[in-house]
Amino acid sequence: LTSVLEQHGLSVLYAENGREGIEVLEQHDDVTVVLMDIMM
């Protein structure tokens, strides 16, 4: 996903679980969209 999105000029942050995802969001209030895996 990152390689496709970066080709389209998007900067990508990554978290490997839900708790970490929330922490990343709290640290980066400029996130414009989240891609959320369901099965974690």
PDB file of all heavy atoms in Angstrom:
ATOM      1  N   LEU A   1       0.826  -1.212   0.000  1.00  0.00           N
ATOM      2  CA  LEU A   1       0.000   0.000   0.000  1.00  0.00           C
ATOM      3  C   LEU A   1       0.859   1.261   0.000  1.00  0.00           C
ATOM      4  O   LEU A   1       0.593   2.207  -0.735  1.00  0.00           O
ATOM      5  CB  LEU A   1      -0.930   0.020   1.220  1.00  0.00           C
ATOM      6  CG  LEU A   1      -2.100  -0.958   1.187  1.00  0.00           C
ATOM      7  CD1 LEU A   1      -2.770  -1.024   2.554  1.00  0.00           C
ATOM      8  CD2 LEU A   1      -3.109  -0.566   0.114  1.00  0.00           C
ATOM      9  N   THR A   2       1.911   1.255   0.834  1.00  0.00           N
ATOM     10  CA  THR A   2       2.770   2.433   0.942  1.00  0.00           C
ATOM     11  C   THR A   2       3.415   2.766  -0.402  1.00  0.00           C
ATOM     12  O   THR A   2       3.432   3.921  -0.821  1.00  0.00           O
ATOM     13  CB  THR A   2       3.866   2.213   2.012  1.00  0.00           C
ATOM     14  OG1 THR A   2       3.221   1.997   3.267  1.00  0.00           O
ATOM     15  CG2 THR A   2       4.778   3.418   2.132  1.00  0.00           C
ATOM     16  N   SER A   3       3.917   1.739  -1.107  1.00  0.00           N
ATOM     17  CA  SER A   3       4.582   2.028  -2.378  1.00  0.00           C
ATOM     18  C   SER A   3       3.610   2.630  -3.386  1.00  0.00           C
ATOM     19  O   SER A   3       3.942   3.573  -4.093  1.00  0.00           O
ATOM     20  CB  SER A   3       5.318   0.809  -2.926  1.00  0.00           C
ATOM     21  OG  SER A   3       4.491  -0.310  -2.917  1.00  0.00           O
ATOM     22  N   VAL A   4       2.370   2.118  -3.440  1.00  0.00           N
ATOM     23  CA  VAL A   4       1.368   2.677  -4.360  1.00  0.00           C
ATOM     24  C   VAL A   4       1.026   4.113  -3.970  1.00  0.00           C
ATOM     25  O   VAL A   4       0.987   5.013  -4.810  1.00  0.00           O
ATOM     26  CB  VAL A   4       0.077   1.813  -4.352  1.00  0.00           C
ATOM     27  CG1 VAL A   4      -1.053   2.533  -5.057  1.00  0.00           C
ATOM     28  CG2 VAL A   4       0.343   0.461  -4.995  1.00  0.00           C
ATOM     29  N   LEU A   5       0.776   4.338  -2.684  1.00  0.00           N
ATOM     30  CA  LEU A   5       0.338   5.653  -2.223  1.00  0.00           C
ATOM     31  C   LEU A   5       1.437   6.701  -2.376  1.00  0.00           C
ATOM     32  O   LEU A   5       1.166   7.833  -2.756  1.00  0.00           O
ATOM     33  CB  LEU A   5      -0.127   5.560  -0.774  1.00  0.00           C
ATOM     34  CG  LEU A   5      -1.355   4.655  -0.585  1.00  0.00           C
ATOM     35  CD1 LEU A   5      -1.583   4.370   0.890  1.00  0.00           C
ATOM     36  CD2 LEU A   5      -2.590   5.248  -1.230  1.00  0.00           C
ATOM     37  N   GLU A   6       2.690   6.303  -2.092  1.00  0.00           N
ATOM     38  CA  GLU A   6       3.791   7.250  -2.239  1.00  0.00           C
ATOM     39  C   GLU A   6       4.019   7.632  -3.697  1.00  0.00           C
ATOM     40  O   GLU A   6       4.405   8.752  -3.994  1.00  0.00           O
ATOM     41  CB  GLU A   6       5.067   6.699  -1.587  1.00  0.00           C
ATOM     42  CG  GLU A   6       4.984   6.758  -0.071  1.00  0.00           C
ATOM     43  CD  GLU A   6       6.206   6.212   0.642  1.00  0.00           C
ATOM     44  OE1 GLU A   6       7.010   5.464   0.009  1.00  0.00           O
ATOM     45  OE2 GLU A   6       6.361   6.513   1.837  1.00  0.00           O
ATOM     46  N   GLN A   7       3.741   6.701  -4.624  1.00  0.00           N
ATOM     47  CA  GLN A   7       3.841   7.027  -6.051  1.00  0.00           C
ATOM     48  C   GLN A   7       2.853   8.122  -6.429  1.00  0.00           C
ATOM     49  O   GLN A   7       3.043   8.827  -7.414  1.00  0.00           O
ATOM     50  CB  GLN A   7       3.567   5.796  -6.925  1.00  0.00           C
ATOM     51  CG  GLN A   7       4.685   4.787  -6.955  1.00  0.00           C
ATOM     52  CD  GLN A   7       4.262   3.491  -7.637  1.00  0.00           C
ATOM     53  OE1 GLN A   7       3.206   3.401  -8.243  1.00  0.00           O
ATOM     54  NE2 GLN A   7       5.105   2.474  -7.523  1.00  0.00           N
ATOM     55  N   HIS A   8       1.782   8.239  -5.651  1.00  0.00           N
ATOM     56  CA  HIS A   8       0.762   9.252  -5.907  1.00  0.00           C
ATOM     57  C   HIS A   8       0.962  10.483  -5.031  1.00  0.00           C
ATOM     58  O   HIS A   8       0.032  11.276  -4.841  1.00  0.00           O
ATOM     59  CB  HIS A   8      -0.639   8.659  -5.716  1.00  0.00           C
ATOM     60  CG  HIS A   8      -0.999   7.694  -6.802  1.00  0.00           C
ATOM     61  ND1 HIS A   8      -1.661   8.062  -7.944  1.00  0.00           N
ATOM     62  CD2 HIS A   8      -0.742   6.367  -6.936  1.00  0.00           C
ATOM     63  CE1 HIS A   8      -1.809   7.009  -8.732  1.00  0.00           C
ATOM     64  NE2 HIS A   8      -1.259   5.967  -8.143  1.00  0.00           N
ATOM     65  N   GLY A   9       2.159  10.621  -4.470  1.00  0.00           N
ATOM     66  CA  GLY A   9       2.516  11.830  -3.737  1.00  0.00           C
ATOM     67  C   GLY A   9       1.997  11.909  -2.313  1.00  0.00           C
ATOM     68  O   GLY A   9       2.052  12.973  -1.699  1.00  0.00           O
ATOM     69  N   LEU A  10       1.496  10.809  -1.781  1.00  0.00           N
ATOM     70  CA  LEU A  10       0.990  10.837  -0.410  1.00  0.00           C
ATOM     71  C   LEU A  10       2.097  10.437   0.553  1.00  0.00           C
ATOM     72  O   LEU A  10       2.877   9.535   0.275  1.00  0.00           O
ATOM     73  CB  LEU A  10      -0.179   9.866  -0.263  1.00  0.00           C
ATOM     74  CG  LEU A  10      -1.437  10.235  -1.046  1.00  0.00           C
ATOM     75  CD1 LEU A  10      -2.367   9.041  -1.165  1.00  0.00           C
ATOM     76  CD2 LEU A  10      -2.148  11.394  -0.385  1.00  0.00           C
ATOM     77  N   SER A  11       2.173  11.124   1.685  1.00  0.00           N
ATOM     78  CA  SER A  11       3.123  10.684   2.701  1.00  0.00           C
ATOM     79  C   SER A  11       2.380   9.762   3.655  1.00  0.00           C
ATOM     80  O   SER A  11       1.248  10.026   4.057  1.00  0.00           O
ATOM     81  CB  SER A  11       3.749  11.876   3.422  1.00  0.00           C
ATOM     82  OG  SER A  11       2.891  12.382   4.387  1.00  0.00           O
ATOM     83  N   VAL A  12       3.032   8.639   3.987  1.00  0.00           N
ATOM     84  CA  VAL A  12       2.369   7.547   4.681  1.00  0.00           C
ATOM     85  C   VAL A  12       3.005   7.297   6.043  1.00  0.00           C
ATOM     86  O   VAL A  12       4.209   7.125   6.153  1.00  0.00           O
ATOM     87  CB  VAL A  12       2.441   6.251   3.831  1.00  0.00           C
ATOM     88  CG1 VAL A  12       1.768   5.097   4.551  1.00  0.00           C
ATOM     89  CG2 VAL A  12       1.812   6.467   2.456  1.00  0.00           C
ATOM     90  N   LEU A  13       2.163   7.270   7.069  1.00  0.00           N
ATOM     91  CA  LEU A  13       2.562   6.836   8.401  1.00  0.00           C
ATOM     92  C   LEU A  13       2.031   5.419   8.581  1.00  0.00           C
ATOM     93  O   LEU A  13       1.075   5.024   7.918  1.00  0.00           O
ATOM     94  CB  LEU A  13       1.956   7.751   9.468  1.00  0.00           C
ATOM     95  CG  LEU A  13       2.397   9.205   9.424  1.00  0.00           C
ATOM     96  CD1 LEU A  13       1.496  10.055  10.296  1.00  0.00           C
ATOM     97  CD2 LEU A  13       3.845   9.333   9.863  1.00  0.00           C
ATOM     98  N   TYR A  14       2.601   4.675   9.535  1.00  0.00           N
ATOM     99  CA  TYR A  14       2.243   3.276   9.684  1.00  0.00           C
ATOM    100  C   TYR A  14       2.166   2.900  11.160  1.00  0.00           C
ATOM    101  O   TYR A  14       2.980   3.352  11.960  1.00  0.00           O
ATOM    102  CB  TYR A  14       3.284   2.436   8.944  1.00  0.00           C
ATOM    103  CG  TYR A  14       3.447   1.033   9.458  1.00  0.00           C
ATOM    104  CD1 TYR A  14       2.408   0.111   9.345  1.00  0.00           C
ATOM    105  CD2 TYR A  14       4.620   0.624  10.075  1.00  0.00           C
ATOM    106  CE1 TYR A  14       2.543  -1.182   9.828  1.00  0.00           C
ATOM    107  CE2 TYR A  14       4.773  -0.665  10.557  1.00  0.00           C
ATOM    108  CZ  TYR A  14       3.720  -1.554  10.434  1.00  0.00           C
ATOM    109  OH  TYR A  14       3.856  -2.831  10.913  1.00  0.00           O
ATOM    110  N   ALA A  15       1.189   2.096  11.493  1.00  0.00           N
ATOM    111  CA  ALA A  15       1.095   1.513  12.834  1.00  0.00           C
ATOM    112  C   ALA A  15       0.725   0.045  12.672  1.00  0.00           C
ATOM    113  O   ALA A  15      -0.072  -0.300  11.806  1.00  0.00           O
ATOM    114  CB  ALA A  15       0.033   2.237  13.654  1.00  0.00           C
ATOM    115  N   GLU A  16       1.301  -0.813  13.520  1.00  0.00           N
ATOM    116  CA  GLU A  16       1.061  -2.247  13.326  1.00  0.00           C
ATOM    117  C   GLU A  16      -0.067  -2.794  14.190  1.00  0.00           C
ATOM    118  O   GLU A  16      -0.391  -3.970  14.108  1.00  0.00           O
ATOM    119  CB  GLU A  16       2.342  -3.053  13.514  1.00  0.00           C
ATOM    120  CG  GLU A  16       2.879  -3.065  14.916  1.00  0.00           C
ATOM    121  CD  GLU A  16       4.161  -3.874  15.001  1.00  0.00           C
ATOM    122  OE1 GLU A  16       4.952  -3.844  14.047  1.00  0.00           O
ATOM    123  OE2 GLU A  16       4.361  -4.534  16.032  1.00  0.00           O
ATOM    124  N   ASN A  17      -0.697  -1.942  15.004  1.00  0.00           N
ATOM    125  CA  ASN A  17      -1.877  -2.379  15.752  1.00  0.00           C
ATOM    126  C   ASN A  17      -2.727  -1.173  16.124  1.00  0.00           C
ATOM    127  O   ASN A  17      -2.309  -0.028  15.945  1.00  0.00           O
ATOM    128  CB  ASN A  17      -1.483  -3.198  16.992  1.00  0.00           C
ATOM    129  CG  ASN A  17      -0.635  -2.401  17.964  1.00  0.00           C
ATOM    130  OD1 ASN A  17      -1.009  -1.302  18.391  1.00  0.00           O
ATOM    131  ND2 ASN A  17       0.514  -2.946  18.323  1.00  0.00           N
ATOM    132  N   GLY A  18      -3.917  -1.446  16.624  1.00  0.00           N
ATOM    133  CA  GLY A  18      -4.870  -0.388  16.912  1.00  0.00           C
ATOM    134  C   GLY A  18      -4.371   0.621  17.928  1.00  0.00           C
ATOM    135  O   GLY A  18      -4.487   1.830  17.748  1.00  0.00           O
ATOM    136  N   ARG A  19      -3.802   0.126  19.023  1.00  0.00           N
ATOM    137  CA  ARG A  19      -3.317   1.027  20.078  1.00  0.00           C
ATOM    138  C   ARG A  19      -2.247   1.962  19.521  1.00  0.00           C
ATOM    139  O   ARG A  19      -2.261   3.163  19.763  1.00  0.00           O
ATOM    140  CB  ARG A  19      -2.777   0.213  21.255  1.00  0.00           C
ATOM    141  CG  ARG A  19      -2.673   1.004  22.532  1.00  0.00           C
ATOM    142  CD  ARG A  19      -2.306   0.165  23.744  1.00  0.00           C
ATOM    143  NE  ARG A  19      -3.112  -1.035  23.924  1.00  0.00           N
ATOM    144  CZ  ARG A  19      -2.691  -2.283  23.656  1.00  0.00           C
ATOM    145  NH1 ARG A  19      -1.486  -2.498  23.177  1.00  0.00           N
ATOM    146  NH2 ARG A  19      -3.471  -3.316  23.857  1.00  0.00           N
ATOM    147  N   GLU A  20      -1.324   1.388  18.756  1.00  0.00           N
ATOM    148  CA  GLU A  20      -0.256   2.189  18.153  1.00  0.00           C
ATOM    149  C   GLU A  20      -0.844   3.183  17.146  1.00  0.00           C
ATOM    150  O   GLU A  20      -0.389   4.321  17.036  1.00  0.00           O
ATOM    151  CB  GLU A  20       0.735   1.248  17.465  1.00  0.00           C
ATOM    152  CG  GLU A  20       2.029   1.904  17.047  1.00  0.00           C
ATOM    153  CD  GLU A  20       2.960   0.894  16.375  1.00  0.00           C
ATOM    154  OE1 GLU A  20       3.358  -0.093  17.021  1.00  0.00           O
ATOM    155  OE2 GLU A  20       3.270   1.108  15.190  1.00  0.00           O
ATOM    156  N   GLY A  21      -1.883   2.754  16.418  1.00  0.00           N
ATOM    157  CA  GLY A  21      -2.528   3.642  15.454  1.00  0.00           C
ATOM    158  C   GLY A  21      -3.090   4.880  16.121  1.00  0.00           C
ATOM    159  O   GLY A  21      -2.945   6.009  15.620  1.00  0.00           O
ATOM    160  N   ILE A  22      -3.718   4.689  17.280  1.00  0.00           N
ATOM    161  CA  ILE A  22      -4.275   5.822  18.022  1.00  0.00           C
ATOM    162  C   ILE A  22      -3.153   6.740  18.500  1.00  0.00           C
ATOM    163  O   ILE A  22      -3.257   7.965  18.409  1.00  0.00           O
ATOM    164  CB  ILE A  22      -5.142   5.317  19.199  1.00  0.00           C
ATOM    165  CG1 ILE A  22      -6.405   4.646  18.632  1.00  0.00           C
ATOM    166  CG2 ILE A  22      -5.496   6.447  20.149  1.00  0.00           C
ATOM    167  CD1 ILE A  22      -7.213   3.863  19.646  1.00  0.00           C
ATOM    168  N   GLU A  23      -2.050   6.162  18.970  1.00  0.00           N
ATOM    169  CA  GLU A  23      -0.900   6.972  19.413  1.00  0.00           C
ATOM    170  C   GLU A  23      -0.335   7.792  18.260  1.00  0.00           C
ATOM    171  O   GLU A  23      -0.029   8.980  18.425  1.00  0.00           O
ATOM    172  CB  GLU A  23       0.199   6.072  19.994  1.00  0.00           C
ATOM    173  CG  GLU A  23      -0.164   5.490  21.354  1.00  0.00           C
ATOM    174  CD  GLU A  23       0.810   4.404  21.809  1.00  0.00           C
ATOM    175  OE1 GLU A  23       1.893   4.229  21.196  1.00  0.00           O
ATOM    176  OE2 GLU A  23       0.468   3.708  22.788  1.00  0.00           O
ATOM    177  N   VAL A  24      -0.198   7.164  17.088  1.00  0.00           N
ATOM    178  CA  VAL A  24       0.329   7.886  15.923  1.00  0.00           C
ATOM    179  C   VAL A  24      -0.603   9.054  15.568  1.00  0.00           C
ATOM    180  O   VAL A  24      -0.151  10.169  15.300  1.00  0.00           O
ATOM    181  CB  VAL A  24       0.528   6.949  14.705  1.00  0.00           C
ATOM    182  CG1 VAL A  24       0.855   7.735  13.447  1.00  0.00           C
ATOM    183  CG2 VAL A  24       1.634   5.932  14.999  1.00  0.00           C
ATOM    184  N   LEU A  25      -1.901   8.807  15.575  1.00  0.00           N
ATOM    185  CA  LEU A  25      -2.869   9.872  15.284  1.00  0.00           C
ATOM    186  C   LEU A  25      -2.741  11.022  16.262  1.00  0.00           C
ATOM    187  O   LEU A  25      -2.788  12.192  15.880  1.00  0.00           O
ATOM    188  CB  LEU A  25      -4.301   9.337  15.354  1.00  0.00           C
ATOM    189  CG  LEU A  25      -4.916   8.789  14.091  1.00  0.00           C
ATOM    190  CD1 LEU A  25      -6.359   8.363  14.365  1.00  0.00           C
ATOM    191  CD2 LEU A  25      -4.866   9.784  12.948  1.00  0.00           C
ATOM    192  N   GLU A  26      -2.583  10.707  17.547  1.00  0.00           N
ATOM    193  CA  GLU A  26      -2.472  11.754  18.565  1.00  0.00           C
ATOM    194  C   GLU A  26      -1.214  12.594  18.356  1.00  0.00           C
ATOM    195  O   GLU A  26      -1.195  13.770  18.702  1.00  0.00           O
ATOM    196  CB  GLU A  26      -2.491  11.139  19.970  1.00  0.00           C
ATOM    197  CG  GLU A  26      -3.876  10.619  20.347  1.00  0.00           C
ATOM    198  CD  GLU A  26      -3.904   9.875  21.671  1.00  0.00           C
ATOM    199  OE1 GLU A  26      -2.901   9.195  22.011  1.00  0.00           O
ATOM    200  OE2 GLU A  26      -4.932   9.962  22.361  1.00  0.00           O
ATOM    201  N   GLN A  27      -0.174  11.991  17.776  1.00  0.00           N
ATOM    202  CA  GLN A  27       1.076  12.715  17.538  1.00  0.00           C
ATOM    203  C   GLN A  27       1.077  13.462  16.212  1.00  0.00           C
ATOM    204  O   GLN A  27       1.904  14.337  15.989  1.00  0.00           O
ATOM    205  CB  GLN A  27       2.265  11.736  17.563  1.00  0.00           C
ATOM    206  CG  GLN A  27       2.492  11.109  18.920  1.00  0.00           C
ATOM    207  CD  GLN A  27       3.317   9.835  18.835  1.00  0.00           C
ATOM    208  OE1 GLN A  27       3.870   9.492  17.797  1.00  0.00           O
ATOM    209  NE2 GLN A  27       3.391   9.112  19.943  1.00  0.00           N
ATOM    210  N   HIS A  28       0.171  13.113  15.296  1.00  0.00           N
ATOM    211  CA  HIS A  28       0.140  13.700  13.953  1.00  0.00           C
ATOM    212  C   HIS A  28      -1.277  14.151  13.637  1.00  0.00           C
ATOM    213  O   HIS A  28      -2.052  13.412  13.041  1.00  0.00           O
ATOM    214  CB  HIS A  28       0.598  12.677  12.895  1.00  0.00           C
ATOM    215  CG  HIS A  28       1.995  12.189  13.098  1.00  0.00           C
ATOM    216  ND1 HIS A  28       3.084  12.811  12.562  1.00  0.00           N
ATOM    217  CD2 HIS A  28       2.466  11.129  13.806  1.00  0.00           C
ATOM    218  CE1 HIS A  28       4.180  12.167  12.921  1.00  0.00           C
ATOM    219  NE2 HIS A  28       3.828  11.148  13.671  1.00  0.00           N
ATOM    220  N   ASP A  29      -1.601  15.386  14.017  1.00  0.00           N
ATOM    221  CA  ASP A  29      -2.975  15.852  13.808  1.00  0.00           C
ATOM    222  C   ASP A  29      -3.232  16.298  12.365  1.00  0.00           C
ATOM    223  O   ASP A  29      -4.292  16.791  12.039  1.00  0.00           O
ATOM    224  CB  ASP A  29      -3.351  16.958  14.803  1.00  0.00           C
ATOM    225  CG  ASP A  29      -2.415  18.152  14.705  1.00  0.00           C
ATOM    226  OD1 ASP A  29      -1.527  18.165  13.815  1.00  0.00           O
ATOM    227  OD2 ASP A  29      -2.571  19.072  15.519  1.00  0.00           O
ATOM    228  N   ASP A  30      -2.240  16.063  11.476  1.00  0.00           N
ATOM    229  CA  ASP A  30      -2.404  16.435  10.071  1.00  0.00           C
ATOM    230  C   ASP A  30      -2.775  15.239   9.191  1.00  0.00           C
ATOM    231  O   ASP A  30      -2.837  15.355   7.975  1.00  0.00           O
ATOM    232  CB  ASP A  30      -1.122  17.087   9.539  1.00  0.00           C
ATOM    233  CG  ASP A  30       0.105  16.193   9.694  1.00  0.00           C
ATOM    234  OD1 ASP A  30       0.047  15.202  10.465  1.00  0.00           O
ATOM    235  OD2 ASP A  30       1.125  16.491   9.064  1.00  0.00           O
ATOM    236  N   VAL A  31      -3.048  14.080   9.810  1.00  0.00           N
ATOM    237  CA  VAL A  31      -3.454  12.892   9.039  1.00  0.00           C
ATOM    238  C   VAL A  31      -4.795  13.191   8.361  1.00  0.00           C
ATOM    239  O   VAL A  31      -5.727  13.670   9.001  1.00  0.00           O
ATOM    240  CB  VAL A  31      -3.561  11.637   9.949  1.00  0.00           C
ATOM    241  CG1 VAL A  31      -4.211  10.480   9.208  1.00  0.00           C
ATOM    242  CG2 VAL A  31      -2.181  11.237  10.455  1.00  0.00           C
ATOM    243  N   THR A  32      -4.873  12.921   7.037  1.00  0.00           N
ATOM    244  CA  THR A  32      -6.088  13.259   6.285  1.00  0.00           C
ATOM    245  C   THR A  32      -6.996  12.066   6.049  1.00  0.00           C
ATOM    246  O   THR A  32      -8.185  12.229   5.786  1.00  0.00           O
ATOM    247  CB  THR A  32      -5.720  13.862   4.908  1.00  0.00           C
ATOM    248  OG1 THR A  32      -4.828  12.967   4.239  1.00  0.00           O
ATOM    249  CG2 THR A  32      -5.072  15.216   5.054  1.00  0.00           C
ATOM    250  N   VAL A  33      -6.453  10.841   6.126  1.00  0.00           N
ATOM    251  CA  VAL A  33      -7.258   9.633   5.929  1.00  0.00           C
ATOM    252  C   VAL A  33      -6.547   8.458   6.601  1.00  0.00           C
ATOM    253  O   VAL A  33      -5.316   8.436   6.680  1.00  0.00           O
ATOM    254  CB  VAL A  33      -7.518   9.364   4.418  1.00  0.00           C
ATOM    255  CG1 VAL A  33      -6.241   9.037   3.688  1.00  0.00           C
ATOM    256  CG2 VAL A  33      -8.555   8.274   4.206  1.00  0.00           C
ATOM    257  N   VAL A  34      -7.338   7.500   7.114  1.00  0.00           N
ATOM    258  CA  VAL A  34      -6.784   6.304   7.756  1.00  0.00           C
ATOM    259  C   VAL A  34      -7.253   5.081   6.983  1.00  0.00           C
ATOM    260  O   VAL A  34      -8.439   4.961   6.658  1.00  0.00           O
ATOM    261  CB  VAL A  34      -7.255   6.185   9.225  1.00  0.00           C
ATOM    262  CG1 VAL A  34      -6.749   4.883   9.853  1.00  0.00           C
ATOM    263  CG2 VAL A  34      -6.796   7.380  10.052  1.00  0.00           C
ATOM    264  N   LEU A  35      -6.321   4.178   6.671  1.00  0.00           N
ATOM    265  CA  LEU A  35      -6.666   2.864   6.128  1.00  0.00           C
ATOM    266  C   LEU A  35      -6.554   1.889   7.289  1.00  0.00           C
ATOM    267  O   LEU A  35      -5.469   1.703   7.849  1.00  0.00           O
ATOM    268  CB  LEU A  35      -5.711   2.465   5.000  1.00  0.00           C
ATOM    269  CG  LEU A  35      -5.692   3.382   3.779  1.00  0.00           C
ATOM    270  CD1 LEU A  35      -4.730   2.845   2.723  1.00  0.00           C
ATOM    271  CD2 LEU A  35      -7.082   3.550   3.201  1.00  0.00           C
ATOM    272  N   MET A  36      -7.677   1.301   7.675  1.00  0.00           N
ATOM    273  CA  MET A  36      -7.749   0.484   8.889  1.00  0.00           C
ATOM    274  C   MET A  36      -7.991  -0.986   8.550  1.00  0.00           C
ATOM    275  O   MET A  36      -9.062  -1.348   8.049  1.00  0.00           O
ATOM    276  CB  MET A  36      -8.904   1.011   9.747  1.00  0.00           C
ATOM    277  CG  MET A  36      -9.105   0.268  11.051  1.00  0.00           C
ATOM    278  SD  MET A  36      -7.817   0.609  12.276  1.00  0.00           S
ATOM    279  CE  MET A  36      -8.116   2.349  12.591  1.00  0.00           C
ATOM    280  N   ASP A  37      -6.993  -1.819   8.844  1.00  0.00           N
ATOM    281  CA  ASP A  37      -7.191  -3.260   8.704  1.00  0.00           C
ATOM    282  C   ASP A  37      -8.183  -3.698   9.780  1.00  0.00           C
ATOM    283  O   ASP A  37      -8.145  -3.203  10.906  1.00  0.00           O
ATOM    284  CB  ASP A  37      -5.846  -3.973   8.892  1.00  0.00           C
ATOM    285  CG  ASP A  37      -5.951  -5.475   8.705  1.00  0.00           C
ATOM    286  OD1 ASP A  37      -6.770  -5.922   7.877  1.00  0.00           O
ATOM    287  OD2 ASP A  37      -5.207  -6.209   9.387  1.00  0.00           O
ATOM    288  N   ILE A  38      -9.076  -4.611   9.440  1.00  0.00           N
ATOM    289  CA  ILE A  38     -10.071  -5.082  10.407  1.00  0.00           C
ATOM    290  C   ILE A  38      -9.518  -6.219  11.268  1.00  0.00           C
ATOM    291  O   ILE A  38      -9.643  -6.203  12.483  1.00  0.00           O
ATOM    292  CB  ILE A  38     -11.368  -5.532   9.692  1.00  0.00           C
ATOM    293  CG1 ILE A  38     -12.054  -4.328   9.038  1.00  0.00           C
ATOM    294  CG2 ILE A  38     -12.316  -6.236  10.663  1.00  0.00           C
ATOM    295  CD1 ILE A  38     -12.498  -3.234   9.996  1.00  0.00           C
ATOM    296  N   MET A  39      -8.882  -7.202  10.630  1.00  0.00           N
ATOM    297  CA  MET A  39      -8.414  -8.380  11.359  1.00  0.00           C
ATOM    298  C   MET A  39      -7.019  -8.150  11.932  1.00  0.00           C
ATOM    299  O   MET A  39      -6.013  -8.343  11.253  1.00  0.00           O
ATOM    300  CB  MET A  39      -8.386  -9.603  10.425  1.00  0.00           C
ATOM    301  CG  MET A  39      -9.715  -9.911   9.761  1.00  0.00           C
ATOM    302  SD  MET A  39     -11.039 -10.241  10.910  1.00  0.00           S
ATOM    303  CE  MET A  39     -10.563 -11.858  11.483  1.00  0.00           C
ATOM    304  N   MET A  40      -6.971  -7.694  13.196  1.00  0.00           N
ATOM    305  CA  MET A  40      -5.692  -7.506  13.886  1.00  0.00           C
ATOM    306  C   MET A  40      -5.807  -8.121  15.274  1.00  0.00           C
ATOM    307  O   MET A  40      -6.892  -8.138  15.852  1.00  0.00           O
ATOM    308  CB  MET A  40      -5.367  -6.012  14.025  1.00  0.00           C
ATOM    309  CG  MET A  40      -5.069  -5.299  12.720  1.00  0.00           C
ATOM    310  SD  MET A  40      -4.556  -3.575  12.983  1.00  0.00           S
ATOM    311  CE  MET A  40      -6.077  -2.819  13.566  1.00  0.00           C
TER     312      MET A  40
END
